[in-house]
Amino acid sequence: LHAPPPARNHWRATINIWADVSIAKSKIEQRGAGTLQGGTPYATPTTAISSHANPYALFLAAYFSDRIDNAYAPAVPLLRAAAAADLEAAENCLGSFHEFGDGLPRSSATAIAHFRRAASRGHVGAQANLGALLVSSTIDDNNNNGAAADGAAPGALEEGVALLRTAAAQGHGVAHVHLAQLHLTGRGVALDIGAALALLDAARAQRCLDALVVTATLAL
């Protein structure tokens, strides 16, 4: 049995962005900024949010600029400012931007550095993203037998698996899916179809779309 890994090609899809958005909205409202359009963020002007000058507001402004302007570049300086103020969600986003080249130069090394900073402070999305990126760095896409990629950092697979397990233990659906993929191939973990299916069940229970895609692929 084998299914392709879940797609990692959009920052909102890979970092559970709505959890971070919800936290940021709550923090701003607690600071007296008022309710943000009754929970309808798309109608809120980016400039009005960023004018509150706190990292949560900057993070929201970055998110809304992407939704409103359909562009990543305007979000970058806002995310950098929020990350400089130690907001883990912003570090995580910057890591994703660098991983996929969205508004920033594509660089796995820089992405790993951002993810690692956020993950070290307990951001579960960053733990999942860092784990997935470290695991993928060990896979040679040109080798059908799954040999390790040249230049992979020593211990990257083991660290990646450990981070995915940490994120999965906190209920991160995408981490469950990545671990399921590893159990389906026996890479870094035991080859265990039953464990893989149980992980996919857990991810589906969290309404993780990646789990539905992988499960459907397995059924073909």
N, C-alpha and C. Protein backbone atom coordinates (compact mmCIF):
# COMPACT_ATOMS: atom_id res chain seq x y z
N LEU A 1 0.83 -1.19 0.00
CA LEU A 1 0.00 0.00 0.00
C LEU A 1 0.87 1.25 0.00
N HIS A 2 0.52 2.20 -0.83
CA HIS A 2 1.25 3.47 -0.82
C HIS A 2 0.33 4.57 -1.33
N ALA A 3 0.42 5.70 -0.71
CA ALA A 3 -0.35 6.87 -1.15
C ALA A 3 0.58 8.05 -1.16
N PRO A 4 0.35 9.01 -2.06
CA PRO A 4 1.21 10.18 -2.09
C PRO A 4 1.09 10.98 -0.81
N PRO A 5 2.18 11.64 -0.41
CA PRO A 5 2.11 12.46 0.81
C PRO A 5 1.12 13.59 0.65
N PRO A 6 0.55 14.07 1.73
CA PRO A 6 -0.39 15.19 1.63
C PRO A 6 0.28 16.42 1.05
N ALA A 7 -0.46 17.16 0.26
CA ALA A 7 0.09 18.35 -0.37
C ALA A 7 0.51 19.37 0.67
N ARG A 8 1.66 20.01 0.43
CA ARG A 8 2.13 21.05 1.35
C ARG A 8 2.42 22.27 0.49
N ASN A 9 1.39 22.83 -0.10
CA ASN A 9 1.62 23.90 -1.07
C ASN A 9 0.78 25.15 -0.81
N HIS A 10 0.30 25.31 0.42
CA HIS A 10 -0.42 26.53 0.72
C HIS A 10 -0.36 26.78 2.20
N TRP A 11 0.03 27.99 2.59
CA TRP A 11 0.29 28.22 4.01
C TRP A 11 -0.93 28.05 4.88
N ARG A 12 -2.12 28.42 4.42
CA ARG A 12 -3.30 28.25 5.26
C ARG A 12 -3.63 26.77 5.44
N ALA A 13 -3.35 25.97 4.42
CA ALA A 13 -3.69 24.56 4.49
C ALA A 13 -2.72 23.78 5.37
N THR A 14 -1.50 24.26 5.53
CA THR A 14 -0.49 23.46 6.20
C THR A 14 -0.24 23.85 7.64
N ILE A 15 -0.68 25.01 8.08
CA ILE A 15 -0.31 25.45 9.43
C ILE A 15 -1.52 25.64 10.34
N ASN A 16 -2.66 25.09 9.93
CA ASN A 16 -3.86 25.21 10.77
C ASN A 16 -4.09 26.68 11.12
N ILE A 17 -4.12 27.51 10.09
CA ILE A 17 -4.09 28.96 10.29
C ILE A 17 -5.29 29.47 11.07
N TRP A 18 -6.43 28.81 10.96
CA TRP A 18 -7.61 29.35 11.63
C TRP A 18 -7.47 29.33 13.14
N ALA A 19 -6.74 28.35 13.68
CA ALA A 19 -6.51 28.34 15.13
C ALA A 19 -5.73 29.58 15.54
N ASP A 20 -4.71 29.93 14.77
CA ASP A 20 -3.91 31.12 15.09
C ASP A 20 -4.72 32.39 14.88
N VAL A 21 -5.53 32.43 13.83
CA VAL A 21 -6.37 33.60 13.57
C VAL A 21 -7.35 33.80 14.73
N SER A 22 -7.95 32.72 15.19
CA SER A 22 -8.91 32.82 16.29
C SER A 22 -8.25 33.37 17.55
N ILE A 23 -7.05 32.87 17.85
CA ILE A 23 -6.33 33.36 19.03
C ILE A 23 -6.01 34.83 18.88
N ALA A 24 -5.53 35.23 17.71
CA ALA A 24 -5.16 36.63 17.49
C ALA A 24 -6.37 37.55 17.63
N LYS A 25 -7.50 37.14 17.06
CA LYS A 25 -8.71 37.95 17.18
C LYS A 25 -9.10 38.13 18.64
N SER A 26 -9.04 37.03 19.40
CA SER A 26 -9.40 37.10 20.81
C SER A 26 -8.48 38.03 21.58
N LYS A 27 -7.17 37.95 21.30
CA LYS A 27 -6.21 38.80 22.00
C LYS A 27 -6.46 40.27 21.72
N ILE A 28 -6.77 40.59 20.45
CA ILE A 28 -7.02 42.00 20.10
C ILE A 28 -8.28 42.50 20.79
N GLU A 29 -9.33 41.69 20.78
CA GLU A 29 -10.58 42.11 21.40
C GLU A 29 -10.40 42.29 22.92
N GLN A 30 -9.56 41.46 23.54
CA GLN A 30 -9.29 41.61 24.97
C GLN A 30 -8.58 42.92 25.28
N ARG A 31 -7.86 43.44 24.28
CA ARG A 31 -7.12 44.69 24.50
C ARG A 31 -7.95 45.93 24.14
N GLY A 32 -9.24 45.72 23.95
CA GLY A 32 -10.12 46.86 23.76
C GLY A 32 -10.24 47.34 22.33
N ALA A 33 -9.88 46.50 21.37
CA ALA A 33 -9.96 46.93 19.98
C ALA A 33 -11.35 46.73 19.41
N GLY A 34 -12.22 46.10 20.18
CA GLY A 34 -13.57 45.88 19.68
C GLY A 34 -13.68 44.58 18.93
N THR A 35 -14.91 44.14 18.70
CA THR A 35 -15.14 42.91 17.95
C THR A 35 -14.79 43.13 16.50
N LEU A 36 -14.11 42.16 15.91
CA LEU A 36 -13.67 42.28 14.52
C LEU A 36 -14.78 41.82 13.57
N GLN A 37 -15.64 42.73 13.22
CA GLN A 37 -16.69 42.48 12.23
C GLN A 37 -17.52 41.24 12.55
N GLY A 38 -17.78 41.02 13.83
CA GLY A 38 -18.63 39.89 14.20
C GLY A 38 -18.12 38.56 13.70
N GLY A 39 -16.80 38.43 13.61
CA GLY A 39 -16.21 37.17 13.17
C GLY A 39 -16.07 37.05 11.67
N THR A 40 -16.24 38.14 10.95
CA THR A 40 -16.08 38.11 9.49
C THR A 40 -14.83 38.90 9.12
N PRO A 41 -13.67 38.26 9.16
CA PRO A 41 -12.41 39.00 9.01
C PRO A 41 -12.20 39.59 7.63
N TYR A 42 -12.78 39.00 6.59
CA TYR A 42 -12.48 39.47 5.24
C TYR A 42 -12.95 40.91 5.01
N ALA A 43 -13.92 41.35 5.76
CA ALA A 43 -14.45 42.70 5.57
C ALA A 43 -13.68 43.75 6.36
N THR A 44 -12.71 43.31 7.16
CA THR A 44 -11.98 44.24 8.01
C THR A 44 -10.77 44.79 7.27
N PRO A 45 -10.66 46.12 7.13
CA PRO A 45 -9.52 46.68 6.40
C PRO A 45 -8.20 46.33 7.06
N THR A 46 -7.23 45.94 6.26
CA THR A 46 -5.91 45.57 6.76
C THR A 46 -5.29 46.70 7.57
N THR A 47 -5.40 47.94 7.10
CA THR A 47 -4.75 49.06 7.78
C THR A 47 -5.35 49.29 9.16
N ALA A 48 -6.64 49.06 9.30
CA ALA A 48 -7.30 49.27 10.59
C ALA A 48 -6.79 48.27 11.62
N ILE A 49 -6.54 47.04 11.19
CA ILE A 49 -6.06 46.02 12.11
C ILE A 49 -4.62 46.31 12.51
N SER A 50 -3.77 46.57 11.52
CA SER A 50 -2.35 46.75 11.80
C SER A 50 -2.09 48.00 12.63
N SER A 51 -3.02 48.95 12.61
CA SER A 51 -2.82 50.18 13.36
C SER A 51 -2.83 49.95 14.87
N HIS A 52 -3.32 48.78 15.30
CA HIS A 52 -3.32 48.49 16.74
C HIS A 52 -1.91 48.24 17.25
N ALA A 53 -0.95 48.01 16.37
CA ALA A 53 0.47 47.95 16.70
C ALA A 53 0.78 46.95 17.80
N ASN A 54 0.25 45.76 17.71
CA ASN A 54 0.70 44.67 18.57
C ASN A 54 0.87 43.44 17.68
N PRO A 55 1.63 42.46 18.11
CA PRO A 55 1.96 41.34 17.22
C PRO A 55 0.75 40.57 16.72
N TYR A 56 -0.29 40.46 17.54
CA TYR A 56 -1.50 39.76 17.08
C TYR A 56 -2.18 40.53 15.96
N ALA A 57 -2.21 41.85 16.09
CA ALA A 57 -2.81 42.67 15.04
C ALA A 57 -1.99 42.57 13.75
N LEU A 58 -0.68 42.58 13.90
CA LEU A 58 0.18 42.47 12.72
C LEU A 58 -0.02 41.12 12.03
N PHE A 59 -0.16 40.08 12.83
CA PHE A 59 -0.39 38.75 12.26
C PHE A 59 -1.71 38.70 11.49
N LEU A 60 -2.76 39.25 12.09
CA LEU A 60 -4.05 39.28 11.40
C LEU A 60 -3.98 40.11 10.12
N ALA A 61 -3.29 41.24 10.20
CA ALA A 61 -3.16 42.08 9.01
C ALA A 61 -2.46 41.32 7.88
N ALA A 62 -1.46 40.53 8.24
CA ALA A 62 -0.77 39.73 7.22
C ALA A 62 -1.72 38.72 6.60
N TYR A 63 -2.49 38.06 7.44
CA TYR A 63 -3.44 37.07 6.93
C TYR A 63 -4.49 37.71 6.03
N PHE A 64 -5.04 38.85 6.48
CA PHE A 64 -6.09 39.50 5.71
C PHE A 64 -5.54 40.09 4.41
N SER A 65 -4.29 40.53 4.43
CA SER A 65 -3.73 41.09 3.19
C SER A 65 -3.65 40.02 2.12
N ASP A 66 -3.37 38.80 2.53
CA ASP A 66 -3.35 37.70 1.58
C ASP A 66 -4.75 37.42 1.06
N ARG A 67 -5.74 37.43 1.96
CA ARG A 67 -7.10 37.13 1.54
C ARG A 67 -7.68 38.23 0.65
N ILE A 68 -7.37 39.48 1.00
CA ILE A 68 -7.97 40.61 0.27
C ILE A 68 -7.23 40.89 -1.04
N ASP A 69 -5.90 40.88 -0.97
CA ASP A 69 -5.10 41.27 -2.13
C ASP A 69 -4.64 40.09 -2.98
N ASN A 70 -4.88 38.85 -2.48
CA ASN A 70 -4.46 37.66 -3.20
C ASN A 70 -2.96 37.70 -3.53
N ALA A 71 -2.17 38.15 -2.58
CA ALA A 71 -0.74 38.25 -2.77
C ALA A 71 -0.04 37.99 -1.45
N TYR A 72 1.14 37.40 -1.52
CA TYR A 72 1.88 37.08 -0.31
C TYR A 72 2.81 38.21 0.11
N ALA A 73 3.38 38.92 -0.85
CA ALA A 73 4.41 39.91 -0.54
C ALA A 73 3.97 40.95 0.50
N PRO A 74 2.74 41.49 0.44
CA PRO A 74 2.35 42.49 1.45
C PRO A 74 2.34 41.94 2.87
N ALA A 75 2.21 40.63 3.01
CA ALA A 75 2.16 40.04 4.35
C ALA A 75 3.53 39.94 4.99
N VAL A 76 4.60 39.92 4.18
CA VAL A 76 5.93 39.62 4.70
C VAL A 76 6.40 40.61 5.76
N PRO A 77 6.37 41.94 5.51
CA PRO A 77 6.86 42.85 6.56
C PRO A 77 6.01 42.81 7.83
N LEU A 78 4.72 42.54 7.69
CA LEU A 78 3.86 42.43 8.86
C LEU A 78 4.22 41.20 9.68
N LEU A 79 4.46 40.09 8.99
CA LEU A 79 4.84 38.87 9.69
C LEU A 79 6.21 39.02 10.36
N ARG A 80 7.12 39.68 9.66
CA ARG A 80 8.46 39.89 10.25
C ARG A 80 8.37 40.73 11.52
N ALA A 81 7.53 41.74 11.50
CA ALA A 81 7.37 42.59 12.69
C ALA A 81 6.76 41.79 13.83
N ALA A 82 5.77 40.96 13.52
CA ALA A 82 5.14 40.15 14.56
C ALA A 82 6.11 39.10 15.10
N ALA A 83 6.92 38.51 14.20
CA ALA A 83 7.91 37.52 14.64
C ALA A 83 8.98 38.17 15.51
N ALA A 84 9.35 39.41 15.17
CA ALA A 84 10.33 40.12 15.98
C ALA A 84 9.80 40.39 17.39
N ALA A 85 8.48 40.41 17.52
CA ALA A 85 7.85 40.59 18.83
C ALA A 85 7.53 39.23 19.48
N ASP A 86 8.18 38.17 18.96
CA ASP A 86 8.10 36.83 19.55
C ASP A 86 6.75 36.15 19.40
N LEU A 87 6.04 36.43 18.31
CA LEU A 87 4.78 35.73 18.06
C LEU A 87 5.08 34.47 17.25
N GLU A 88 4.87 33.31 17.87
CA GLU A 88 5.21 32.04 17.24
C GLU A 88 4.46 31.80 15.94
N ALA A 89 3.20 32.22 15.89
CA ALA A 89 2.39 32.01 14.68
C ALA A 89 3.02 32.71 13.48
N ALA A 90 3.60 33.89 13.71
CA ALA A 90 4.23 34.62 12.61
C ALA A 90 5.50 33.92 12.15
N GLU A 91 6.29 33.41 13.10
CA GLU A 91 7.49 32.64 12.74
C GLU A 91 7.09 31.44 11.88
N ASN A 92 6.02 30.78 12.27
CA ASN A 92 5.56 29.62 11.53
C ASN A 92 5.16 29.98 10.10
N CYS A 93 4.46 31.09 9.95
CA CYS A 93 4.07 31.55 8.61
C CYS A 93 5.29 31.87 7.76
N LEU A 94 6.25 32.56 8.34
CA LEU A 94 7.47 32.90 7.59
C LEU A 94 8.18 31.62 7.14
N GLY A 95 8.19 30.62 7.99
CA GLY A 95 8.77 29.35 7.60
C GLY A 95 8.07 28.75 6.39
N SER A 96 6.75 28.80 6.41
CA SER A 96 5.97 28.27 5.28
C SER A 96 6.22 29.07 4.01
N PHE A 97 6.30 30.40 4.14
CA PHE A 97 6.57 31.24 2.98
C PHE A 97 7.90 30.86 2.34
N HIS A 98 8.93 30.67 3.17
CA HIS A 98 10.24 30.30 2.65
C HIS A 98 10.24 28.88 2.09
N GLU A 99 9.48 27.99 2.70
CA GLU A 99 9.46 26.61 2.21
C GLU A 99 8.93 26.53 0.78
N PHE A 100 7.89 27.32 0.49
CA PHE A 100 7.25 27.23 -0.82
C PHE A 100 7.57 28.39 -1.74
N GLY A 101 8.36 29.37 -1.27
CA GLY A 101 8.69 30.51 -2.13
C GLY A 101 7.54 31.46 -2.31
N ASP A 102 6.66 31.57 -1.32
CA ASP A 102 5.51 32.47 -1.40
C ASP A 102 5.88 33.84 -0.83
N GLY A 103 6.20 34.80 -1.68
CA GLY A 103 6.53 36.15 -1.24
C GLY A 103 7.94 36.29 -0.71
N LEU A 104 8.67 35.19 -0.60
CA LEU A 104 10.04 35.18 -0.11
C LEU A 104 10.84 34.15 -0.91
N PRO A 105 12.17 34.29 -0.96
CA PRO A 105 12.97 33.29 -1.68
C PRO A 105 12.76 31.90 -1.10
N ARG A 106 12.66 30.93 -1.98
CA ARG A 106 12.47 29.56 -1.51
C ARG A 106 13.77 29.05 -0.88
N SER A 107 13.69 28.62 0.36
CA SER A 107 14.88 28.15 1.08
C SER A 107 14.46 27.22 2.20
N SER A 108 14.78 25.94 2.05
CA SER A 108 14.44 24.98 3.10
C SER A 108 15.19 25.28 4.39
N ALA A 109 16.45 25.72 4.25
CA ALA A 109 17.26 26.01 5.45
C ALA A 109 16.64 27.15 6.26
N THR A 110 16.20 28.20 5.57
CA THR A 110 15.59 29.33 6.27
C THR A 110 14.24 28.94 6.83
N ALA A 111 13.49 28.14 6.08
CA ALA A 111 12.19 27.65 6.58
C ALA A 111 12.39 26.85 7.87
N ILE A 112 13.39 25.98 7.86
CA ILE A 112 13.65 25.16 9.05
C ILE A 112 14.00 26.05 10.24
N ALA A 113 14.78 27.10 10.01
CA ALA A 113 15.16 28.00 11.10
C ALA A 113 13.93 28.67 11.71
N HIS A 114 13.00 29.14 10.85
CA HIS A 114 11.77 29.77 11.36
C HIS A 114 10.90 28.75 12.09
N PHE A 115 10.69 27.59 11.47
CA PHE A 115 9.87 26.56 12.11
C PHE A 115 10.47 26.16 13.46
N ARG A 116 11.80 26.04 13.50
CA ARG A 116 12.45 25.59 14.73
C ARG A 116 12.25 26.59 15.87
N ARG A 117 12.33 27.88 15.53
CA ARG A 117 12.12 28.90 16.57
C ARG A 117 10.70 28.82 17.13
N ALA A 118 9.72 28.67 16.24
CA ALA A 118 8.33 28.58 16.71
C ALA A 118 8.07 27.27 17.44
N ALA A 119 8.62 26.18 16.90
CA ALA A 119 8.40 24.87 17.52
C ALA A 119 9.01 24.80 18.91
N SER A 120 10.16 25.44 19.09
CA SER A 120 10.82 25.40 20.40
C SER A 120 10.01 26.12 21.47
N ARG A 121 9.09 27.00 21.02
CA ARG A 121 8.24 27.71 21.97
C ARG A 121 6.85 27.08 22.05
N GLY A 122 6.73 25.87 21.51
CA GLY A 122 5.50 25.11 21.70
C GLY A 122 4.43 25.26 20.66
N HIS A 123 4.72 25.90 19.51
CA HIS A 123 3.69 26.07 18.48
C HIS A 123 3.49 24.74 17.76
N VAL A 124 2.32 24.13 17.92
CA VAL A 124 2.09 22.78 17.41
C VAL A 124 2.15 22.73 15.88
N GLY A 125 1.65 23.77 15.20
CA GLY A 125 1.72 23.79 13.75
C GLY A 125 3.15 23.81 13.26
N ALA A 126 4.01 24.56 13.95
CA ALA A 126 5.42 24.61 13.57
C ALA A 126 6.10 23.28 13.83
N GLN A 127 5.71 22.61 14.91
CA GLN A 127 6.27 21.29 15.18
C GLN A 127 5.93 20.32 14.05
N ALA A 128 4.67 20.37 13.59
CA ALA A 128 4.26 19.51 12.49
C ALA A 128 4.97 19.89 11.19
N ASN A 129 5.07 21.19 10.91
CA ASN A 129 5.71 21.63 9.68
C ASN A 129 7.19 21.30 9.67
N LEU A 130 7.86 21.53 10.80
CA LEU A 130 9.28 21.22 10.90
C LEU A 130 9.50 19.72 10.75
N GLY A 131 8.67 18.93 11.43
CA GLY A 131 8.80 17.48 11.31
C GLY A 131 8.63 17.01 9.89
N ALA A 132 7.61 17.50 9.21
CA ALA A 132 7.35 17.09 7.83
C ALA A 132 8.48 17.51 6.89
N LEU A 133 9.01 18.71 7.10
CA LEU A 133 10.08 19.20 6.23
C LEU A 133 11.37 18.42 6.46
N LEU A 134 11.67 18.10 7.72
CA LEU A 134 12.87 17.31 8.00
C LEU A 134 12.75 15.91 7.39
N VAL A 135 11.58 15.30 7.52
CA VAL A 135 11.39 13.98 6.93
C VAL A 135 11.54 14.04 5.42
N SER A 136 10.91 15.04 4.79
CA SER A 136 10.98 15.13 3.33
C SER A 136 12.40 15.39 2.84
N SER A 137 13.22 16.02 3.69
CA SER A 137 14.60 16.31 3.29
C SER A 137 15.43 15.05 3.19
N THR A 138 14.94 13.95 3.76
CA THR A 138 15.70 12.70 3.74
C THR A 138 15.27 11.77 2.62
N ILE A 139 14.31 12.18 1.82
CA ILE A 139 13.78 11.31 0.77
C ILE A 139 14.34 11.72 -0.58
N ASP A 140 14.89 10.75 -1.29
CA ASP A 140 15.39 10.98 -2.65
C ASP A 140 14.25 10.74 -3.62
N ASP A 141 13.71 11.83 -4.18
CA ASP A 141 12.55 11.70 -5.08
C ASP A 141 12.90 10.97 -6.37
N ASN A 142 14.19 10.89 -6.69
CA ASN A 142 14.59 10.23 -7.94
C ASN A 142 14.92 8.76 -7.74
N ASN A 143 14.74 8.28 -6.54
CA ASN A 143 15.09 6.89 -6.25
C ASN A 143 13.84 6.15 -5.81
N ASN A 144 13.42 5.18 -6.60
CA ASN A 144 12.16 4.51 -6.33
C ASN A 144 12.19 3.63 -5.09
N ASN A 145 13.41 3.26 -4.64
CA ASN A 145 13.44 2.39 -3.46
C ASN A 145 13.50 3.17 -2.16
N GLY A 146 13.36 4.50 -2.24
CA GLY A 146 13.26 5.29 -1.03
C GLY A 146 14.56 5.53 -0.31
N ALA A 147 15.68 5.50 -1.05
CA ALA A 147 16.97 5.75 -0.41
C ALA A 147 17.05 7.17 0.10
N ALA A 148 17.87 7.38 1.12
CA ALA A 148 18.01 8.72 1.71
C ALA A 148 18.61 9.68 0.71
N ALA A 149 18.14 10.89 0.73
CA ALA A 149 18.65 11.91 -0.18
C ALA A 149 20.05 12.33 0.23
N ASP A 150 20.89 12.62 -0.77
CA ASP A 150 22.22 13.12 -0.49
C ASP A 150 22.12 14.48 0.19
N GLY A 151 22.96 14.72 1.17
CA GLY A 151 22.99 16.02 1.82
C GLY A 151 21.99 16.20 2.94
N ALA A 152 21.20 15.18 3.24
CA ALA A 152 20.25 15.28 4.35
C ALA A 152 21.04 15.40 5.65
N ALA A 153 20.57 16.24 6.56
CA ALA A 153 21.26 16.43 7.82
C ALA A 153 21.22 15.16 8.65
N PRO A 154 22.32 14.82 9.33
CA PRO A 154 22.32 13.63 10.18
C PRO A 154 21.21 13.71 11.23
N GLY A 155 20.48 12.63 11.37
CA GLY A 155 19.41 12.60 12.37
C GLY A 155 18.14 13.30 11.96
N ALA A 156 18.06 13.79 10.72
CA ALA A 156 16.87 14.55 10.30
C ALA A 156 15.62 13.69 10.34
N LEU A 157 15.72 12.44 9.90
CA LEU A 157 14.55 11.58 9.88
C LEU A 157 14.05 11.31 11.30
N GLU A 158 14.97 10.98 12.20
CA GLU A 158 14.59 10.69 13.58
C GLU A 158 13.97 11.92 14.26
N GLU A 159 14.58 13.09 14.04
CA GLU A 159 14.03 14.31 14.64
C GLU A 159 12.66 14.62 14.04
N GLY A 160 12.54 14.45 12.74
CA GLY A 160 11.26 14.72 12.08
C GLY A 160 10.15 13.86 12.62
N VAL A 161 10.43 12.57 12.77
CA VAL A 161 9.42 11.64 13.30
C VAL A 161 9.03 12.04 14.72
N ALA A 162 10.02 12.38 15.54
CA ALA A 162 9.74 12.77 16.93
C ALA A 162 8.86 14.02 16.98
N LEU A 163 9.12 14.99 16.11
CA LEU A 163 8.32 16.21 16.09
C LEU A 163 6.89 15.92 15.62
N LEU A 164 6.75 15.07 14.63
CA LEU A 164 5.41 14.70 14.15
C LEU A 164 4.62 14.01 15.25
N ARG A 165 5.30 13.16 16.01
CA ARG A 165 4.62 12.50 17.12
C ARG A 165 4.20 13.50 18.20
N THR A 166 5.06 14.46 18.46
CA THR A 166 4.73 15.49 19.45
C THR A 166 3.49 16.27 19.01
N ALA A 167 3.46 16.67 17.73
CA ALA A 167 2.33 17.42 17.21
C ALA A 167 1.06 16.56 17.19
N ALA A 168 1.20 15.30 16.79
CA ALA A 168 0.05 14.41 16.74
C ALA A 168 -0.54 14.19 18.13
N ALA A 169 0.32 14.11 19.13
CA ALA A 169 -0.16 13.92 20.51
C ALA A 169 -0.99 15.10 20.98
N GLN A 170 -0.81 16.25 20.33
CA GLN A 170 -1.59 17.44 20.68
C GLN A 170 -2.79 17.61 19.75
N GLY A 171 -3.06 16.59 18.93
CA GLY A 171 -4.26 16.62 18.10
C GLY A 171 -4.10 17.29 16.76
N HIS A 172 -2.87 17.42 16.24
CA HIS A 172 -2.67 18.07 14.94
C HIS A 172 -2.94 17.06 13.82
N GLY A 173 -3.99 17.31 13.05
CA GLY A 173 -4.43 16.36 12.04
C GLY A 173 -3.41 16.07 10.97
N VAL A 174 -2.73 17.09 10.46
CA VAL A 174 -1.75 16.88 9.40
C VAL A 174 -0.58 16.04 9.91
N ALA A 175 -0.20 16.22 11.17
CA ALA A 175 0.85 15.38 11.74
C ALA A 175 0.42 13.92 11.76
N HIS A 176 -0.85 13.66 12.08
CA HIS A 176 -1.37 12.30 12.02
C HIS A 176 -1.22 11.72 10.61
N VAL A 177 -1.53 12.53 9.62
CA VAL A 177 -1.47 12.05 8.24
C VAL A 177 -0.03 11.74 7.84
N HIS A 178 0.91 12.62 8.18
CA HIS A 178 2.31 12.36 7.84
C HIS A 178 2.82 11.10 8.53
N LEU A 179 2.45 10.90 9.78
CA LEU A 179 2.86 9.68 10.47
C LEU A 179 2.23 8.45 9.82
N ALA A 180 0.98 8.58 9.39
CA ALA A 180 0.34 7.47 8.69
C ALA A 180 1.12 7.11 7.43
N GLN A 181 1.55 8.14 6.69
CA GLN A 181 2.34 7.90 5.48
C GLN A 181 3.62 7.14 5.80
N LEU A 182 4.25 7.51 6.89
CA LEU A 182 5.49 6.83 7.26
C LEU A 182 5.23 5.38 7.63
N HIS A 183 4.13 5.11 8.34
CA HIS A 183 3.80 3.73 8.69
C HIS A 183 3.43 2.91 7.45
N LEU A 184 2.91 3.54 6.42
CA LEU A 184 2.57 2.82 5.19
C LEU A 184 3.82 2.40 4.43
N THR A 185 4.90 3.12 4.61
CA THR A 185 6.14 2.82 3.88
C THR A 185 7.23 2.22 4.76
N GLY A 186 7.04 2.31 6.09
CA GLY A 186 8.04 1.80 6.99
C GLY A 186 9.27 2.68 7.09
N ARG A 187 9.13 3.93 6.76
CA ARG A 187 10.28 4.84 6.80
C ARG A 187 10.36 5.55 8.14
N GLY A 188 11.40 5.25 8.91
CA GLY A 188 11.60 5.89 10.21
C GLY A 188 10.73 5.35 11.32
N VAL A 189 9.76 4.52 10.95
CA VAL A 189 8.86 3.88 11.92
C VAL A 189 8.59 2.46 11.44
N ALA A 190 7.91 1.67 12.25
CA ALA A 190 7.57 0.31 11.84
C ALA A 190 6.57 0.33 10.68
N LEU A 191 6.75 -0.59 9.74
CA LEU A 191 5.75 -0.78 8.70
C LEU A 191 4.51 -1.39 9.35
N ASP A 192 3.44 -0.60 9.41
CA ASP A 192 2.27 -1.03 10.20
C ASP A 192 1.02 -0.42 9.57
N ILE A 193 0.33 -1.21 8.76
CA ILE A 193 -0.86 -0.72 8.06
C ILE A 193 -1.96 -0.37 9.05
N GLY A 194 -2.10 -1.18 10.10
CA GLY A 194 -3.13 -0.91 11.10
C GLY A 194 -2.91 0.42 11.79
N ALA A 195 -1.66 0.70 12.14
CA ALA A 195 -1.35 1.98 12.79
C ALA A 195 -1.62 3.14 11.85
N ALA A 196 -1.29 2.94 10.57
CA ALA A 196 -1.53 4.00 9.58
C ALA A 196 -3.01 4.31 9.46
N LEU A 197 -3.83 3.27 9.40
CA LEU A 197 -5.27 3.48 9.26
C LEU A 197 -5.86 4.14 10.50
N ALA A 198 -5.35 3.77 11.69
CA ALA A 198 -5.82 4.39 12.93
C ALA A 198 -5.47 5.87 12.95
N LEU A 199 -4.28 6.23 12.48
CA LEU A 199 -3.87 7.63 12.42
C LEU A 199 -4.74 8.41 11.44
N LEU A 200 -5.06 7.79 10.32
CA LEU A 200 -5.93 8.45 9.35
C LEU A 200 -7.33 8.64 9.92
N ASP A 201 -7.81 7.66 10.68
CA ASP A 201 -9.11 7.80 11.33
C ASP A 201 -9.10 8.98 12.29
N ALA A 202 -8.01 9.11 13.06
CA ALA A 202 -7.91 10.22 14.02
C ALA A 202 -7.89 11.56 13.29
N ALA A 203 -7.20 11.61 12.16
CA ALA A 203 -7.13 12.86 11.39
C ALA A 203 -8.49 13.20 10.78
N ARG A 204 -9.20 12.19 10.29
CA ARG A 204 -10.53 12.45 9.73
C ARG A 204 -11.48 12.94 10.81
N ALA A 205 -11.34 12.43 12.00
CA ALA A 205 -12.20 12.87 13.10
C ALA A 205 -11.98 14.35 13.40
N GLN A 206 -10.82 14.87 13.04
CA GLN A 206 -10.53 16.29 13.22
C GLN A 206 -10.84 17.09 11.95
N ARG A 207 -11.51 16.44 11.01
CA ARG A 207 -11.90 17.07 9.74
C ARG A 207 -10.69 17.54 8.93
N CYS A 208 -9.66 16.73 8.98
CA CYS A 208 -8.44 17.02 8.21
C CYS A 208 -8.64 16.54 6.77
N LEU A 209 -8.66 17.47 5.83
CA LEU A 209 -8.92 17.12 4.42
C LEU A 209 -7.83 16.22 3.85
N ASP A 210 -6.59 16.42 4.28
CA ASP A 210 -5.50 15.58 3.79
C ASP A 210 -5.77 14.10 4.08
N ALA A 211 -6.38 13.82 5.22
CA ALA A 211 -6.67 12.44 5.58
C ALA A 211 -7.67 11.84 4.60
N LEU A 212 -8.66 12.62 4.18
CA LEU A 212 -9.64 12.13 3.21
C LEU A 212 -8.97 11.83 1.88
N VAL A 213 -8.04 12.69 1.46
CA VAL A 213 -7.34 12.49 0.19
C VAL A 213 -6.51 11.21 0.23
N VAL A 214 -5.75 11.02 1.28
CA VAL A 214 -4.89 9.84 1.39
C VAL A 214 -5.72 8.58 1.49
N THR A 215 -6.80 8.62 2.28
CA THR A 215 -7.66 7.45 2.42
C THR A 215 -8.30 7.08 1.09
N ALA A 216 -8.75 8.07 0.33
CA ALA A 216 -9.35 7.82 -0.98
C ALA A 216 -8.33 7.22 -1.93
N THR A 217 -7.09 7.68 -1.85
CA THR A 217 -6.03 7.16 -2.72
C THR A 217 -5.76 5.69 -2.39
N LEU A 218 -5.75 5.35 -1.13
CA LEU A 218 -5.52 3.97 -0.72
C LEU A 218 -6.63 3.04 -1.21
N ALA A 219 -7.83 3.58 -1.35
CA ALA A 219 -8.97 2.75 -1.76
C ALA A 219 -8.97 2.46 -3.24
N LEU A 220 -8.15 3.16 -4.01
CA LEU A 220 -8.12 2.95 -5.46
C LEU A 220 -7.50 1.62 -5.83
